[in-house]
Amino acid sequence: MKEIYSCLEHVEFALDDYVDKYNQVPVLNNVEDANKLSTTCEYCQNKAIYIVSNTDSPTKCG
């Protein structure tokens, strides 16, 4: 799976880079709570809050 991790400040860069790199429309998801402490933005090394990728996150029904 192709992923770019981003903070709020750099999410637009991540979306543009994803389209330029993979020629696909990306999906924007939040970083899961369990990974928030260790996942950093690929542009500035601050805490990442978004994952720009080519797949949806799993959803829970019911």
N, C-alpha and C. Protein backbone atom coordinates (compact mmCIF):
# COMPACT_ATOMS: atom_id res chain seq x y z
N MET A 1 0.84 -1.18 0.00
CA MET A 1 0.00 0.00 0.00
C MET A 1 0.89 1.24 0.00
N LYS A 2 0.53 2.20 -0.78
CA LYS A 2 1.27 3.46 -0.88
C LYS A 2 0.70 4.45 0.13
N GLU A 3 1.55 4.97 1.02
CA GLU A 3 1.09 5.88 2.07
C GLU A 3 2.05 7.04 2.24
N ILE A 4 1.47 8.20 2.54
CA ILE A 4 2.25 9.37 2.95
C ILE A 4 1.63 9.86 4.25
N TYR A 5 2.46 9.99 5.28
CA TYR A 5 1.99 10.49 6.58
C TYR A 5 2.20 12.00 6.63
N SER A 6 1.20 12.71 7.17
CA SER A 6 1.25 14.16 7.15
C SER A 6 0.63 14.78 8.39
N CYS A 7 1.17 15.94 8.77
CA CYS A 7 0.55 16.75 9.81
C CYS A 7 -0.50 17.65 9.15
N LEU A 8 -1.22 18.40 9.94
CA LEU A 8 -2.26 19.28 9.40
C LEU A 8 -1.67 20.32 8.45
N GLU A 9 -0.52 20.87 8.80
CA GLU A 9 0.10 21.92 8.00
C GLU A 9 0.51 21.45 6.60
N HIS A 10 0.90 20.19 6.46
CA HIS A 10 1.43 19.70 5.19
C HIS A 10 0.50 18.74 4.44
N VAL A 11 -0.75 18.63 4.85
CA VAL A 11 -1.65 17.68 4.21
C VAL A 11 -1.89 18.02 2.74
N GLU A 12 -1.93 19.29 2.39
CA GLU A 12 -2.12 19.66 0.98
C GLU A 12 -0.91 19.25 0.14
N PHE A 13 0.29 19.38 0.69
CA PHE A 13 1.50 18.92 -0.02
C PHE A 13 1.44 17.42 -0.23
N ALA A 14 1.00 16.69 0.79
CA ALA A 14 0.93 15.23 0.70
C ALA A 14 -0.07 14.80 -0.37
N LEU A 15 -1.22 15.46 -0.42
CA LEU A 15 -2.22 15.13 -1.44
C LEU A 15 -1.67 15.40 -2.84
N ASP A 16 -1.05 16.55 -3.03
CA ASP A 16 -0.47 16.89 -4.34
C ASP A 16 0.65 15.92 -4.72
N ASP A 17 1.53 15.60 -3.77
CA ASP A 17 2.63 14.69 -4.04
C ASP A 17 2.13 13.30 -4.41
N TYR A 18 1.08 12.86 -3.73
CA TYR A 18 0.52 11.54 -4.01
C TYR A 18 0.00 11.47 -5.45
N VAL A 19 -0.75 12.47 -5.85
CA VAL A 19 -1.29 12.51 -7.21
C VAL A 19 -0.15 12.57 -8.23
N ASP A 20 0.85 13.40 -7.98
CA ASP A 20 2.00 13.52 -8.89
C ASP A 20 2.77 12.21 -9.00
N LYS A 21 2.95 11.54 -7.87
CA LYS A 21 3.79 10.33 -7.81
C LYS A 21 3.08 9.10 -8.37
N TYR A 22 1.81 8.92 -8.03
CA TYR A 22 1.11 7.68 -8.35
C TYR A 22 0.00 7.82 -9.39
N ASN A 23 -0.29 9.04 -9.83
CA ASN A 23 -1.35 9.29 -10.82
C ASN A 23 -2.68 8.66 -10.41
N GLN A 24 -2.99 8.72 -9.11
CA GLN A 24 -4.24 8.21 -8.57
C GLN A 24 -4.82 9.25 -7.63
N VAL A 25 -6.13 9.21 -7.49
CA VAL A 25 -6.78 10.08 -6.51
C VAL A 25 -6.62 9.41 -5.14
N PRO A 26 -6.03 10.10 -4.18
CA PRO A 26 -5.79 9.48 -2.87
C PRO A 26 -7.00 9.55 -1.95
N VAL A 27 -6.92 8.77 -0.89
CA VAL A 27 -7.91 8.77 0.17
C VAL A 27 -7.23 9.35 1.40
N LEU A 28 -7.92 10.20 2.12
CA LEU A 28 -7.37 10.84 3.31
C LEU A 28 -8.01 10.23 4.55
N ASN A 29 -7.18 9.63 5.41
CA ASN A 29 -7.66 9.02 6.65
C ASN A 29 -6.88 9.58 7.83
N ASN A 30 -7.46 9.47 9.01
CA ASN A 30 -6.77 9.86 10.24
C ASN A 30 -5.84 8.75 10.68
N VAL A 31 -4.71 9.11 11.28
CA VAL A 31 -3.81 8.14 11.87
C VAL A 31 -4.53 7.54 13.08
N GLU A 32 -4.47 6.22 13.23
CA GLU A 32 -5.12 5.57 14.36
C GLU A 32 -4.47 5.99 15.66
N ASP A 33 -5.26 6.05 16.72
CA ASP A 33 -4.77 6.49 18.03
C ASP A 33 -3.55 5.71 18.49
N ALA A 34 -3.50 4.43 18.21
CA ALA A 34 -2.38 3.59 18.66
C ALA A 34 -1.07 4.00 18.00
N ASN A 35 -1.12 4.60 16.81
CA ASN A 35 0.08 4.96 16.07
C ASN A 35 0.43 6.44 16.16
N LYS A 36 -0.43 7.26 16.78
CA LYS A 36 -0.22 8.70 16.79
C LYS A 36 1.07 9.12 17.49
N LEU A 37 1.48 8.40 18.51
CA LEU A 37 2.67 8.79 19.26
C LEU A 37 3.96 8.58 18.48
N SER A 38 4.01 7.56 17.62
CA SER A 38 5.26 7.23 16.96
C SER A 38 5.31 7.62 15.48
N THR A 39 4.22 8.06 14.91
CA THR A 39 4.17 8.36 13.48
C THR A 39 4.42 9.85 13.26
N THR A 40 5.37 10.17 12.37
CA THR A 40 5.71 11.57 12.12
C THR A 40 5.38 11.97 10.68
N CYS A 41 5.21 13.26 10.50
CA CYS A 41 4.98 13.85 9.18
C CYS A 41 6.23 13.66 8.32
N GLU A 42 6.03 13.30 7.07
CA GLU A 42 7.16 13.08 6.17
C GLU A 42 7.78 14.37 5.67
N TYR A 43 7.18 15.51 6.00
CA TYR A 43 7.69 16.79 5.53
C TYR A 43 8.38 17.59 6.63
N CYS A 44 7.98 17.39 7.90
CA CYS A 44 8.55 18.22 8.95
C CYS A 44 8.89 17.45 10.23
N GLN A 45 8.57 16.20 10.31
CA GLN A 45 8.82 15.35 11.48
C GLN A 45 7.97 15.69 12.70
N ASN A 46 6.95 16.54 12.55
CA ASN A 46 5.97 16.73 13.63
C ASN A 46 5.05 15.52 13.65
N LYS A 47 4.18 15.46 14.64
CA LYS A 47 3.26 14.33 14.76
C LYS A 47 2.31 14.29 13.56
N ALA A 48 2.21 13.14 12.92
CA ALA A 48 1.31 12.96 11.78
C ALA A 48 -0.10 12.72 12.29
N ILE A 49 -1.06 13.33 11.61
CA ILE A 49 -2.45 13.09 11.97
C ILE A 49 -3.24 12.54 10.79
N TYR A 50 -2.65 12.57 9.59
CA TYR A 50 -3.32 12.05 8.39
C TYR A 50 -2.45 11.03 7.67
N ILE A 51 -3.13 10.08 7.02
CA ILE A 51 -2.49 9.14 6.10
C ILE A 51 -3.12 9.39 4.74
N VAL A 52 -2.30 9.73 3.76
CA VAL A 52 -2.76 9.89 2.39
C VAL A 52 -2.37 8.57 1.71
N SER A 53 -3.37 7.83 1.21
CA SER A 53 -3.10 6.51 0.66
C SER A 53 -4.07 6.18 -0.47
N ASN A 54 -3.97 4.93 -0.94
CA ASN A 54 -4.83 4.51 -2.04
C ASN A 54 -5.95 3.58 -1.59
N THR A 55 -6.12 3.40 -0.26
CA THR A 55 -7.18 2.55 0.23
C THR A 55 -7.92 3.21 1.39
N ASP A 56 -9.18 2.85 1.56
CA ASP A 56 -9.97 3.33 2.70
C ASP A 56 -9.57 2.59 3.94
N SER A 57 -9.76 3.23 5.07
CA SER A 57 -9.54 2.54 6.33
C SER A 57 -10.73 1.62 6.59
N PRO A 58 -10.51 0.53 7.32
CA PRO A 58 -11.64 -0.36 7.61
C PRO A 58 -12.66 0.36 8.49
N THR A 59 -13.92 0.09 8.26
CA THR A 59 -14.97 0.72 9.05
C THR A 59 -15.67 -0.33 9.89
N LYS A 60 -16.26 0.12 10.98
CA LYS A 60 -16.99 -0.78 11.87
C LYS A 60 -18.49 -0.53 11.69
N CYS A 61 -19.23 -1.58 11.57
CA CYS A 61 -20.69 -1.47 11.40
C CYS A 61 -21.37 -1.97 12.68
N GLY A 62 -22.46 -1.34 13.00
CA GLY A 62 -23.27 -1.83 14.09
C GLY A 62 -23.03 -1.23 15.35
